[in-house]
Amino acid sequence: MSVYTTGYSIRYTIPSIQQQAEFAVITAADQVKNEDPSAPDHANRLAWATWVNNNNSVQATWPFLWPIALNPAIQASIVADPTGAGVLDSDIQFVVNSNLEFVIAVWVANPPLPPP
């Protein structure tokens, strides 16, 4: 399997990775809600975390899926076991946490539309 097809599988076709990613996003949102209010950009971070926890966790996960798919450790896990069973939660959480600031900044600059 090539890097491209492995990455595509990670992004779109391995349900366990989708589940791990969503849980990692919820975990990150929970950590934001519990952080010190003096943390940099806390108001925007808290607004994002609140949005995530208001039944938007699937949508909130989307920006993290390509970074997860491109992570070499996660790709190696899929090459070793294409089912995704070997992908570590800690690898998924690392990618989410590493991309959190960027994702929140994009979310703040382009807030989601409210439901009709």
PDB file of N, CA and C in Angstrom:
ATOM      1  N   MET A   1       0.854  -1.172   0.000  1.00  0.00           N
ATOM      2  CA  MET A   1       0.000   0.000   0.000  1.00  0.00           C
ATOM      3  C   MET A   1       0.902   1.239   0.000  1.00  0.00           C
ATOM      4  N   SER A   2       0.605   2.196  -0.858  1.00  0.00           N
ATOM      5  CA  SER A   2       1.411   3.409  -0.926  1.00  0.00           C
ATOM      6  C   SER A   2       1.060   4.359   0.221  1.00  0.00           C
ATOM      7  N   VAL A   3       1.911   5.336   0.438  1.00  0.00           N
ATOM      8  CA  VAL A   3       1.648   6.350   1.463  1.00  0.00           C
ATOM      9  C   VAL A   3       0.323   7.040   1.170  1.00  0.00           C
ATOM     10  N   TYR A   4       0.059   7.310  -0.092  1.00  0.00           N
ATOM     11  CA  TYR A   4      -1.175   8.011  -0.462  1.00  0.00           C
ATOM     12  C   TYR A   4      -2.410   7.168  -0.162  1.00  0.00           C
ATOM     13  N   THR A   5      -2.374   5.901  -0.547  1.00  0.00           N
ATOM     14  CA  THR A   5      -3.551   5.069  -0.284  1.00  0.00           C
ATOM     15  C   THR A   5      -3.688   4.761   1.198  1.00  0.00           C
ATOM     16  N   THR A   6      -2.571   4.651   1.897  1.00  0.00           N
ATOM     17  CA  THR A   6      -2.630   4.469   3.343  1.00  0.00           C
ATOM     18  C   THR A   6      -3.261   5.698   3.996  1.00  0.00           C
ATOM     19  N   GLY A   7      -2.788   6.873   3.611  1.00  0.00           N
ATOM     20  CA  GLY A   7      -3.349   8.108   4.165  1.00  0.00           C
ATOM     21  C   GLY A   7      -4.820   8.263   3.860  1.00  0.00           C
ATOM     22  N   TYR A   8      -5.212   7.914   2.652  1.00  0.00           N
ATOM     23  CA  TYR A   8      -6.623   8.006   2.268  1.00  0.00           C
ATOM     24  C   TYR A   8      -7.464   7.055   3.120  1.00  0.00           C
ATOM     25  N   SER A   9      -6.980   5.845   3.322  1.00  0.00           N
ATOM     26  CA  SER A   9      -7.698   4.891   4.164  1.00  0.00           C
ATOM     27  C   SER A   9      -7.844   5.409   5.588  1.00  0.00           C
ATOM     28  N   ILE A  10      -6.776   5.977   6.110  1.00  0.00           N
ATOM     29  CA  ILE A  10      -6.820   6.526   7.463  1.00  0.00           C
ATOM     30  C   ILE A  10      -7.883   7.618   7.536  1.00  0.00           C
ATOM     31  N   ARG A  11      -7.902   8.492   6.550  1.00  0.00           N
ATOM     32  CA  ARG A  11      -8.816   9.641   6.564  1.00  0.00           C
ATOM     33  C   ARG A  11     -10.276   9.236   6.390  1.00  0.00           C
ATOM     34  N   TYR A  12     -10.539   8.243   5.526  1.00  0.00           N
ATOM     35  CA  TYR A  12     -11.924   7.990   5.139  1.00  0.00           C
ATOM     36  C   TYR A  12     -12.512   6.629   5.466  1.00  0.00           C
ATOM     37  N   THR A  13     -11.708   5.593   5.614  1.00  0.00           N
ATOM     38  CA  THR A  13     -12.320   4.260   5.619  1.00  0.00           C
ATOM     39  C   THR A  13     -12.074   3.405   6.854  1.00  0.00           C
ATOM     40  N   ILE A  14     -11.353   3.899   7.833  1.00  0.00           N
ATOM     41  CA  ILE A  14     -11.092   3.077   9.019  1.00  0.00           C
ATOM     42  C   ILE A  14     -11.909   3.642  10.184  1.00  0.00           C
ATOM     43  N   PRO A  15     -13.040   3.016  10.487  1.00  0.00           N
ATOM     44  CA  PRO A  15     -13.948   3.567  11.495  1.00  0.00           C
ATOM     45  C   PRO A  15     -13.310   3.790  12.866  1.00  0.00           C
ATOM     46  N   SER A  16     -12.417   2.903  13.265  1.00  0.00           N
ATOM     47  CA  SER A  16     -11.824   3.058  14.596  1.00  0.00           C
ATOM     48  C   SER A  16     -11.005   4.350  14.700  1.00  0.00           C
ATOM     49  N   ILE A  17     -10.393   4.768  13.611  1.00  0.00           N
ATOM     50  CA  ILE A  17      -9.625   6.017  13.636  1.00  0.00           C
ATOM     51  C   ILE A  17     -10.570   7.201  13.718  1.00  0.00           C
ATOM     52  N   GLN A  18     -11.683   7.134  13.020  1.00  0.00           N
ATOM     53  CA  GLN A  18     -12.690   8.201  13.127  1.00  0.00           C
ATOM     54  C   GLN A  18     -13.156   8.325  14.577  1.00  0.00           C
ATOM     55  N   GLN A  19     -13.377   7.190  15.224  1.00  0.00           N
ATOM     56  CA  GLN A  19     -13.830   7.184  16.615  1.00  0.00           C
ATOM     57  C   GLN A  19     -12.752   7.722  17.546  1.00  0.00           C
ATOM     58  N   GLN A  20     -11.524   7.279  17.350  1.00  0.00           N
ATOM     59  CA  GLN A  20     -10.422   7.772  18.173  1.00  0.00           C
ATOM     60  C   GLN A  20     -10.245   9.274  17.991  1.00  0.00           C
ATOM     61  N   ALA A  21     -10.349   9.736  16.764  1.00  0.00           N
ATOM     62  CA  ALA A  21     -10.169  11.156  16.486  1.00  0.00           C
ATOM     63  C   ALA A  21     -11.245  11.986  17.172  1.00  0.00           C
ATOM     64  N   GLU A  22     -12.484  11.554  17.067  1.00  0.00           N
ATOM     65  CA  GLU A  22     -13.558  12.306  17.713  1.00  0.00           C
ATOM     66  C   GLU A  22     -13.368  12.328  19.225  1.00  0.00           C
ATOM     67  N   PHE A  23     -12.979  11.202  19.794  1.00  0.00           N
ATOM     68  CA  PHE A  23     -12.748  11.161  21.239  1.00  0.00           C
ATOM     69  C   PHE A  23     -11.580  12.069  21.627  1.00  0.00           C
ATOM     70  N   ALA A  24     -10.543  12.110  20.811  1.00  0.00           N
ATOM     71  CA  ALA A  24      -9.393  12.978  21.085  1.00  0.00           C
ATOM     72  C   ALA A  24      -9.799  14.452  21.033  1.00  0.00           C
ATOM     73  N   VAL A  25     -10.678  14.809  20.108  1.00  0.00           N
ATOM     74  CA  VAL A  25     -11.157  16.189  20.019  1.00  0.00           C
ATOM     75  C   VAL A  25     -11.989  16.535  21.256  1.00  0.00           C
ATOM     76  N   ILE A  26     -12.845  15.629  21.675  1.00  0.00           N
ATOM     77  CA  ILE A  26     -13.635  15.859  22.895  1.00  0.00           C
ATOM     78  C   ILE A  26     -12.706  15.987  24.094  1.00  0.00           C
ATOM     79  N   THR A  27     -11.677  15.175  24.150  1.00  0.00           N
ATOM     80  CA  THR A  27     -10.697  15.252  25.239  1.00  0.00           C
ATOM     81  C   THR A  27      -9.998  16.606  25.235  1.00  0.00           C
ATOM     82  N   ALA A  28      -9.588  17.066  24.066  1.00  0.00           N
ATOM     83  CA  ALA A  28      -8.932  18.376  23.961  1.00  0.00           C
ATOM     84  C   ALA A  28      -9.882  19.486  24.396  1.00  0.00           C
ATOM     85  N   ALA A  29     -11.144  19.397  23.975  1.00  0.00           N
ATOM     86  CA  ALA A  29     -12.126  20.409  24.371  1.00  0.00           C
ATOM     87  C   ALA A  29     -12.322  20.410  25.883  1.00  0.00           C
ATOM     88  N   ASP A  30     -12.344  19.234  26.484  1.00  0.00           N
ATOM     89  CA  ASP A  30     -12.495  19.136  27.937  1.00  0.00           C
ATOM     90  C   ASP A  30     -11.293  19.749  28.640  1.00  0.00           C
ATOM     91  N   GLN A  31     -10.101  19.521  28.102  1.00  0.00           N
ATOM     92  CA  GLN A  31      -8.899  20.116  28.688  1.00  0.00           C
ATOM     93  C   GLN A  31      -8.931  21.632  28.582  1.00  0.00           C
ATOM     94  N   VAL A  32      -9.431  22.156  27.470  1.00  0.00           N
ATOM     95  CA  VAL A  32      -9.556  23.605  27.314  1.00  0.00           C
ATOM     96  C   VAL A  32     -10.530  24.160  28.346  1.00  0.00           C
ATOM     97  N   LYS A  33     -11.647  23.468  28.535  1.00  0.00           N
ATOM     98  CA  LYS A  33     -12.649  23.952  29.501  1.00  0.00           C
ATOM     99  C   LYS A  33     -12.092  23.989  30.917  1.00  0.00           C
ATOM    100  N   ASN A  34     -11.099  23.170  31.190  1.00  0.00           N
ATOM    101  CA  ASN A  34     -10.521  23.100  32.534  1.00  0.00           C
ATOM    102  C   ASN A  34      -9.213  23.869  32.679  1.00  0.00           C
ATOM    103  N   GLU A  35      -8.787  24.555  31.626  1.00  0.00           N
ATOM    104  CA  GLU A  35      -7.522  25.274  31.724  1.00  0.00           C
ATOM    105  C   GLU A  35      -7.698  26.578  32.505  1.00  0.00           C
ATOM    106  N   ASP A  36      -6.586  27.125  32.913  1.00  0.00           N
ATOM    107  CA  ASP A  36      -6.573  28.395  33.632  1.00  0.00           C
ATOM    108  C   ASP A  36      -7.130  29.494  32.732  1.00  0.00           C
ATOM    109  N   PRO A  37      -8.074  30.278  33.219  1.00  0.00           N
ATOM    110  CA  PRO A  37      -8.643  31.354  32.402  1.00  0.00           C
ATOM    111  C   PRO A  37      -7.608  32.381  31.921  1.00  0.00           C
ATOM    112  N   SER A  38      -6.449  32.399  32.532  1.00  0.00           N
ATOM    113  CA  SER A  38      -5.409  33.334  32.083  1.00  0.00           C
ATOM    114  C   SER A  38      -4.572  32.763  30.936  1.00  0.00           C
ATOM    115  N   ALA A  39      -4.883  31.556  30.489  1.00  0.00           N
ATOM    116  CA  ALA A  39      -4.151  30.951  29.369  1.00  0.00           C
ATOM    117  C   ALA A  39      -4.319  31.825  28.125  1.00  0.00           C
ATOM    118  N   PRO A  40      -3.300  31.900  27.289  1.00  0.00           N
ATOM    119  CA  PRO A  40      -3.408  32.713  26.066  1.00  0.00           C
ATOM    120  C   PRO A  40      -4.613  32.306  25.221  1.00  0.00           C
ATOM    121  N   ASP A  41      -5.341  33.304  24.739  1.00  0.00           N
ATOM    122  CA  ASP A  41      -6.485  33.114  23.855  1.00  0.00           C
ATOM    123  C   ASP A  41      -7.586  32.255  24.483  1.00  0.00           C
ATOM    124  N   HIS A  42      -7.686  32.303  25.807  1.00  0.00           N
ATOM    125  CA  HIS A  42      -8.634  31.434  26.505  1.00  0.00           C
ATOM    126  C   HIS A  42     -10.080  31.657  26.056  1.00  0.00           C
ATOM    127  N   ALA A  43     -10.475  32.889  25.828  1.00  0.00           N
ATOM    128  CA  ALA A  43     -11.874  33.140  25.445  1.00  0.00           C
ATOM    129  C   ALA A  43     -12.225  32.430  24.137  1.00  0.00           C
ATOM    130  N   ASN A  44     -11.358  32.528  23.142  1.00  0.00           N
ATOM    131  CA  ASN A  44     -11.620  31.836  21.875  1.00  0.00           C
ATOM    132  C   ASN A  44     -11.531  30.325  22.041  1.00  0.00           C
ATOM    133  N   ARG A  45     -10.577  29.875  22.819  1.00  0.00           N
ATOM    134  CA  ARG A  45     -10.424  28.443  23.062  1.00  0.00           C
ATOM    135  C   ARG A  45     -11.659  27.890  23.772  1.00  0.00           C
ATOM    136  N   LEU A  46     -12.153  28.643  24.743  1.00  0.00           N
ATOM    137  CA  LEU A  46     -13.336  28.208  25.486  1.00  0.00           C
ATOM    138  C   LEU A  46     -14.572  28.213  24.594  1.00  0.00           C
ATOM    139  N   ALA A  47     -14.689  29.220  23.733  1.00  0.00           N
ATOM    140  CA  ALA A  47     -15.820  29.255  22.796  1.00  0.00           C
ATOM    141  C   ALA A  47     -15.789  28.030  21.883  1.00  0.00           C
ATOM    142  N   TRP A  48     -14.603  27.670  21.383  1.00  0.00           N
ATOM    143  CA  TRP A  48     -14.471  26.483  20.537  1.00  0.00           C
ATOM    144  C   TRP A  48     -14.853  25.229  21.320  1.00  0.00           C
ATOM    145  N   ALA A  49     -14.339  25.094  22.528  1.00  0.00           N
ATOM    146  CA  ALA A  49     -14.613  23.905  23.345  1.00  0.00           C
ATOM    147  C   ALA A  49     -16.105  23.780  23.635  1.00  0.00           C
ATOM    148  N   THR A  50     -16.749  24.884  23.908  1.00  0.00           N
ATOM    149  CA  THR A  50     -18.189  24.865  24.168  1.00  0.00           C
ATOM    150  C   THR A  50     -18.941  24.441  22.912  1.00  0.00           C
ATOM    151  N   TRP A  51     -18.533  24.972  21.759  1.00  0.00           N
ATOM    152  CA  TRP A  51     -19.149  24.581  20.493  1.00  0.00           C
ATOM    153  C   TRP A  51     -18.977  23.082  20.243  1.00  0.00           C
ATOM    154  N   VAL A  52     -17.782  22.570  20.494  1.00  0.00           N
ATOM    155  CA  VAL A  52     -17.519  21.136  20.303  1.00  0.00           C
ATOM    156  C   VAL A  52     -18.458  20.314  21.170  1.00  0.00           C
ATOM    157  N   ASN A  53     -18.596  20.713  22.413  1.00  0.00           N
ATOM    158  CA  ASN A  53     -19.404  19.938  23.363  1.00  0.00           C
ATOM    159  C   ASN A  53     -20.909  20.105  23.172  1.00  0.00           C
ATOM    160  N   ASN A  54     -21.318  21.015  22.309  1.00  0.00           N
ATOM    161  CA  ASN A  54     -22.744  21.193  22.020  1.00  0.00           C
ATOM    162  C   ASN A  54     -23.146  20.420  20.768  1.00  0.00           C
ATOM    163  N   ASN A  55     -22.824  19.130  20.750  1.00  0.00           N
ATOM    164  CA  ASN A  55     -23.181  18.231  19.654  1.00  0.00           C
ATOM    165  C   ASN A  55     -22.528  18.578  18.326  1.00  0.00           C
ATOM    166  N   ASN A  56     -21.344  19.135  18.371  1.00  0.00           N
ATOM    167  CA  ASN A  56     -20.610  19.437  17.147  1.00  0.00           C
ATOM    168  C   ASN A  56     -19.301  18.663  17.057  1.00  0.00           C
ATOM    169  N   SER A  57     -19.173  17.593  17.805  1.00  0.00           N
ATOM    170  CA  SER A  57     -17.889  16.889  17.860  1.00  0.00           C
ATOM    171  C   SER A  57     -17.505  16.245  16.530  1.00  0.00           C
ATOM    172  N   VAL A  58     -18.470  15.771  15.763  1.00  0.00           N
ATOM    173  CA  VAL A  58     -18.138  15.181  14.462  1.00  0.00           C
ATOM    174  C   VAL A  58     -17.585  16.262  13.542  1.00  0.00           C
ATOM    175  N   GLN A  59     -18.296  17.382  13.438  1.00  0.00           N
ATOM    176  CA  GLN A  59     -17.835  18.484  12.598  1.00  0.00           C
ATOM    177  C   GLN A  59     -16.495  19.023  13.090  1.00  0.00           C
ATOM    178  N   ALA A  60     -16.315  19.092  14.386  1.00  0.00           N
ATOM    179  CA  ALA A  60     -15.065  19.603  14.962  1.00  0.00           C
ATOM    180  C   ALA A  60     -13.885  18.688  14.672  1.00  0.00           C
ATOM    181  N   THR A  61     -14.150  17.432  14.418  1.00  0.00           N
ATOM    182  CA  THR A  61     -13.090  16.460  14.142  1.00  0.00           C
ATOM    183  C   THR A  61     -12.528  16.594  12.733  1.00  0.00           C
ATOM    184  N   TRP A  62     -13.323  17.049  11.793  1.00  0.00           N
ATOM    185  CA  TRP A  62     -12.904  17.096  10.389  1.00  0.00           C
ATOM    186  C   TRP A  62     -11.561  17.769  10.163  1.00  0.00           C
ATOM    187  N   PRO A  63     -11.269  18.939  10.760  1.00  0.00           N
ATOM    188  CA  PRO A  63      -9.978  19.580  10.465  1.00  0.00           C
ATOM    189  C   PRO A  63      -8.754  18.786  10.937  1.00  0.00           C
ATOM    190  N   PHE A  64      -8.969  17.829  11.805  1.00  0.00           N
ATOM    191  CA  PHE A  64      -7.850  17.055  12.349  1.00  0.00           C
ATOM    192  C   PHE A  64      -7.579  15.777  11.547  1.00  0.00           C
ATOM    193  N   LEU A  65      -8.512  15.374  10.695  1.00  0.00           N
ATOM    194  CA  LEU A  65      -8.389  14.069  10.055  1.00  0.00           C
ATOM    195  C   LEU A  65      -7.248  13.978   9.052  1.00  0.00           C
ATOM    196  N   TRP A  66      -6.999  15.035   8.287  1.00  0.00           N
ATOM    197  CA  TRP A  66      -5.853  14.968   7.382  1.00  0.00           C
ATOM    198  C   TRP A  66      -4.531  14.983   8.147  1.00  0.00           C
ATOM    199  N   PRO A  67      -4.359  15.834   9.160  1.00  0.00           N
ATOM    200  CA  PRO A  67      -3.108  15.733   9.932  1.00  0.00           C
ATOM    201  C   PRO A  67      -2.910  14.349  10.551  1.00  0.00           C
ATOM    202  N   ILE A  68      -3.995  13.729  10.992  1.00  0.00           N
ATOM    203  CA  ILE A  68      -3.897  12.365  11.528  1.00  0.00           C
ATOM    204  C   ILE A  68      -3.448  11.414  10.419  1.00  0.00           C
ATOM    205  N   ALA A  69      -4.049  11.546   9.248  1.00  0.00           N
ATOM    206  CA  ALA A  69      -3.725  10.660   8.124  1.00  0.00           C
ATOM    207  C   ALA A  69      -2.284  10.829   7.644  1.00  0.00           C
ATOM    208  N   LEU A  70      -1.717  12.003   7.841  1.00  0.00           N
ATOM    209  CA  LEU A  70      -0.352  12.280   7.378  1.00  0.00           C
ATOM    210  C   LEU A  70       0.718  11.953   8.419  1.00  0.00           C
ATOM    211  N   ASN A  71       0.325  11.597   9.616  1.00  0.00           N
ATOM    212  CA  ASN A  71       1.286  11.330  10.674  1.00  0.00           C
ATOM    213  C   ASN A  71       2.039  10.018  10.405  1.00  0.00           C
ATOM    214  N   PRO A  72       3.367  10.065  10.376  1.00  0.00           N
ATOM    215  CA  PRO A  72       4.148   8.853  10.048  1.00  0.00           C
ATOM    216  C   PRO A  72       3.940   7.689  11.018  1.00  0.00           C
ATOM    217  N   ALA A  73       3.791   7.966  12.298  1.00  0.00           N
ATOM    218  CA  ALA A  73       3.594   6.879  13.272  1.00  0.00           C
ATOM    219  C   ALA A  73       2.254   6.187  13.029  1.00  0.00           C
ATOM    220  N   ILE A  74       1.236   6.971  12.728  1.00  0.00           N
ATOM    221  CA  ILE A  74      -0.086   6.397  12.471  1.00  0.00           C
ATOM    222  C   ILE A  74      -0.061   5.624  11.156  1.00  0.00           C
ATOM    223  N   GLN A  75       0.585   6.171  10.148  1.00  0.00           N
ATOM    224  CA  GLN A  75       0.712   5.444   8.883  1.00  0.00           C
ATOM    225  C   GLN A  75       1.431   4.116   9.081  1.00  0.00           C
ATOM    226  N   ALA A  76       2.495   4.120   9.872  1.00  0.00           N
ATOM    227  CA  ALA A  76       3.239   2.873  10.125  1.00  0.00           C
ATOM    228  C   ALA A  76       2.355   1.850  10.834  1.00  0.00           C
ATOM    229  N   SER A  77       1.517   2.312  11.740  1.00  0.00           N
ATOM    230  CA  SER A  77       0.597   1.399  12.427  1.00  0.00           C
ATOM    231  C   SER A  77      -0.378   0.762  11.448  1.00  0.00           C
ATOM    232  N   ILE A  78      -0.842   1.542  10.474  1.00  0.00           N
ATOM    233  CA  ILE A  78      -1.784   1.012   9.486  1.00  0.00           C
ATOM    234  C   ILE A  78      -1.090   0.053   8.530  1.00  0.00           C
ATOM    235  N   VAL A  79       0.138   0.333   8.168  1.00  0.00           N
ATOM    236  CA  VAL A  79       0.886  -0.596   7.314  1.00  0.00           C
ATOM    237  C   VAL A  79       1.056  -1.929   8.043  1.00  0.00           C
ATOM    238  N   ALA A  80       1.332  -1.862   9.348  1.00  0.00           N
ATOM    239  CA  ALA A  80       1.507  -3.083  10.137  1.00  0.00           C
ATOM    240  C   ALA A  80       0.188  -3.828  10.338  1.00  0.00           C
ATOM    241  N   ASP A  81      -0.914  -3.082  10.488  1.00  0.00           N
ATOM    242  CA  ASP A  81      -2.232  -3.686  10.702  1.00  0.00           C
ATOM    243  C   ASP A  81      -3.283  -2.791  10.053  1.00  0.00           C
ATOM    244  N   PRO A  82      -3.696  -3.105   8.830  1.00  0.00           N
ATOM    245  CA  PRO A  82      -4.630  -2.251   8.095  1.00  0.00           C
ATOM    246  C   PRO A  82      -6.003  -2.067   8.744  1.00  0.00           C
ATOM    247  N   THR A  83      -6.311  -2.846   9.770  1.00  0.00           N
ATOM    248  CA  THR A  83      -7.605  -2.678  10.435  1.00  0.00           C
ATOM    249  C   THR A  83      -7.639  -1.425  11.310  1.00  0.00           C
ATOM    250  N   GLY A  84      -6.466  -0.919  11.680  1.00  0.00           N
ATOM    251  CA  GLY A  84      -6.403   0.240  12.564  1.00  0.00           C
ATOM    252  C   GLY A  84      -6.323  -0.109  14.031  1.00  0.00           C
ATOM    253  N   ALA A  85      -6.390  -1.390  14.355  1.00  0.00           N
ATOM    254  CA  ALA A  85      -6.381  -1.814  15.756  1.00  0.00           C
ATOM    255  C   ALA A  85      -5.092  -1.434  16.477  1.00  0.00           C
ATOM    256  N   GLY A  86      -4.012  -1.263  15.735  1.00  0.00           N
ATOM    257  CA  GLY A  86      -2.734  -0.946  16.361  1.00  0.00           C
ATOM    258  C   GLY A  86      -2.458   0.533  16.522  1.00  0.00           C
ATOM    259  N   VAL A  87      -3.370   1.386  16.072  1.00  0.00           N
ATOM    260  CA  VAL A  87      -3.158   2.828  16.198  1.00  0.00           C
ATOM    261  C   VAL A  87      -3.360   3.235  17.648  1.00  0.00           C
ATOM    262  N   LEU A  88      -2.341   3.826  18.212  1.00  0.00           N
ATOM    263  CA  LEU A  88      -2.393   4.207  19.620  1.00  0.00           C
ATOM    264  C   LEU A  88      -3.230   5.464  19.829  1.00  0.00           C
ATOM    265  N   ASP A  89      -4.042   5.442  20.880  1.00  0.00           N
ATOM    266  CA  ASP A  89      -4.801   6.636  21.257  1.00  0.00           C
ATOM    267  C   ASP A  89      -3.858   7.819  21.458  1.00  0.00           C
ATOM    268  N   SER A  90      -2.707   7.550  22.046  1.00  0.00           N
ATOM    269  CA  SER A  90      -1.758   8.635  22.326  1.00  0.00           C
ATOM    270  C   SER A  90      -1.237   9.279  21.049  1.00  0.00           C
ATOM    271  N   ASP A  91      -1.104   8.502  19.965  1.00  0.00           N
ATOM    272  CA  ASP A  91      -0.675   9.082  18.685  1.00  0.00           C
ATOM    273  C   ASP A  91      -1.757  10.007  18.125  1.00  0.00           C
ATOM    274  N   ILE A  92      -3.002   9.568  18.213  1.00  0.00           N
ATOM    275  CA  ILE A  92      -4.113  10.399  17.744  1.00  0.00           C
ATOM    276  C   ILE A  92      -4.205  11.670  18.584  1.00  0.00           C
ATOM    277  N   GLN A  93      -4.112  11.530  19.904  1.00  0.00           N
ATOM    278  CA  GLN A  93      -4.214  12.700  20.780  1.00  0.00           C
ATOM    279  C   GLN A  93      -3.065  13.664  20.532  1.00  0.00           C
ATOM    280  N   PHE A  94      -1.870  13.138  20.273  1.00  0.00           N
ATOM    281  CA  PHE A  94      -0.719  13.983  19.968  1.00  0.00           C
ATOM    282  C   PHE A  94      -1.002  14.859  18.749  1.00  0.00           C
ATOM    283  N   VAL A  95      -1.543  14.256  17.697  1.00  0.00           N
ATOM    284  CA  VAL A  95      -1.823  15.021  16.480  1.00  0.00           C
ATOM    285  C   VAL A  95      -2.896  16.076  16.747  1.00  0.00           C
ATOM    286  N   VAL A  96      -3.941  15.700  17.459  1.00  0.00           N
ATOM    287  CA  VAL A  96      -5.000  16.672  17.778  1.00  0.00           C
ATOM    288  C   VAL A  96      -4.419  17.819  18.597  1.00  0.00           C
ATOM    289  N   ASN A  97      -3.708  17.504  19.648  1.00  0.00           N
ATOM    290  CA  ASN A  97      -3.148  18.554  20.505  1.00  0.00           C
ATOM    291  C   ASN A  97      -2.154  19.433  19.746  1.00  0.00           C
ATOM    292  N   SER A  98      -1.386  18.830  18.843  1.00  0.00           N
ATOM    293  CA  SER A  98      -0.390  19.581  18.072  1.00  0.00           C
ATOM    294  C   SER A  98      -1.026  20.549  17.082  1.00  0.00           C
ATOM    295  N   ASN A  99      -2.226  20.256  16.645  1.00  0.00           N
ATOM    296  CA  ASN A  99      -2.908  21.087  15.649  1.00  0.00           C
ATOM    297  C   ASN A  99      -4.009  21.954  16.246  1.00  0.00           C
ATOM    298  N   LEU A 100      -4.197  21.870  17.545  1.00  0.00           N
ATOM    299  CA  LEU A 100      -5.321  22.548  18.191  1.00  0.00           C
ATOM    300  C   LEU A 100      -5.298  24.060  18.008  1.00  0.00           C
ATOM    301  N   GLU A 101      -4.162  24.694  18.219  1.00  0.00           N
ATOM    302  CA  GLU A 101      -4.095  26.154  18.107  1.00  0.00           C
ATOM    303  C   GLU A 101      -4.466  26.611  16.702  1.00  0.00           C
ATOM    304  N   PHE A 102      -3.942  25.940  15.700  1.00  0.00           N
ATOM    305  CA  PHE A 102      -4.245  26.298  14.309  1.00  0.00           C
ATOM    306  C   PHE A 102      -5.727  26.109  14.017  1.00  0.00           C
ATOM    307  N   VAL A 103      -6.280  24.979  14.423  1.00  0.00           N
ATOM    308  CA  VAL A 103      -7.696  24.696  14.158  1.00  0.00           C
ATOM    309  C   VAL A 103      -8.587  25.729  14.846  1.00  0.00           C
ATOM    310  N   ILE A 104      -8.269  26.081  16.083  1.00  0.00           N
ATOM    311  CA  ILE A 104      -9.069  27.090  16.778  1.00  0.00           C
ATOM    312  C   ILE A 104      -8.954  28.441  16.077  1.00  0.00           C
ATOM    313  N   ALA A 105      -7.771  28.814  15.647  1.00  0.00           N
ATOM    314  CA  ALA A 105      -7.590  30.093  14.942  1.00  0.00           C
ATOM    315  C   ALA A 105      -8.419  30.131  13.662  1.00  0.00           C
ATOM    316  N   VAL A 106      -8.442  29.045  12.916  1.00  0.00           N
ATOM    317  CA  VAL A 106      -9.249  28.989  11.695  1.00  0.00           C
ATOM    318  C   VAL A 106     -10.735  29.037  12.047  1.00  0.00           C
ATOM    319  N   TRP A 107     -11.122  28.339  13.101  1.00  0.00           N
ATOM    320  CA  TRP A 107     -12.522  28.332  13.551  1.00  0.00           C
ATOM    321  C   TRP A 107     -12.966  29.743  13.951  1.00  0.00           C
ATOM    322  N   VAL A 108     -12.105  30.463  14.660  1.00  0.00           N
ATOM    323  CA  VAL A 108     -12.434  31.830  15.075  1.00  0.00           C
ATOM    324  C   VAL A 108     -12.570  32.733  13.851  1.00  0.00           C
ATOM    325  N   ALA A 109     -11.678  32.585  12.880  1.00  0.00           N
ATOM    326  CA  ALA A 109     -11.709  33.423  11.685  1.00  0.00           C
ATOM    327  C   ALA A 109     -12.879  33.068  10.758  1.00  0.00           C
ATOM    328  N   ASN A 110     -13.357  31.839  10.844  1.00  0.00           N
ATOM    329  CA  ASN A 110     -14.443  31.353   9.969  1.00  0.00           C
ATOM    330  C   ASN A 110     -15.463  30.597  10.803  1.00  0.00           C
ATOM    331  N   PRO A 111     -16.185  31.295  11.669  1.00  0.00           N
ATOM    332  CA  PRO A 111     -17.124  30.574  12.551  1.00  0.00           C
ATOM    333  C   PRO A 111     -18.172  29.809  11.765  1.00  0.00           C
ATOM    334  N   PRO A 112     -18.577  28.652  12.292  1.00  0.00           N
ATOM    335  CA  PRO A 112     -19.602  27.883  11.606  1.00  0.00           C
ATOM    336  C   PRO A 112     -20.931  28.644  11.616  1.00  0.00           C
ATOM    337  N   LEU A 113     -21.700  28.402  10.600  1.00  0.00           N
ATOM    338  CA  LEU A 113     -23.022  29.036  10.538  1.00  0.00           C
ATOM    339  C   LEU A 113     -23.933  28.418  11.590  1.00  0.00           C
ATOM    340  N   PRO A 114     -24.786  29.227  12.199  1.00  0.00           N
ATOM    341  CA  PRO A 114     -25.748  28.648  13.152  1.00  0.00           C
ATOM    342  C   PRO A 114     -26.775  27.813  12.398  1.00  0.00           C
ATOM    343  N   PRO A 115     -27.361  26.842  13.091  1.00  0.00           N
ATOM    344  CA  PRO A 115     -28.383  26.035  12.414  1.00  0.00           C
ATOM    345  C   PRO A 115     -29.570  26.896  11.994  1.00  0.00           C
ATOM    346  N   PRO A 116     -30.241  26.504  10.917  1.00  0.00           N
ATOM    347  CA  PRO A 116     -31.392  27.299  10.439  1.00  0.00           C
ATOM    348  C   PRO A 116     -32.548  27.291  11.419  1.00  0.00           C
TER     349      PRO A 116
END
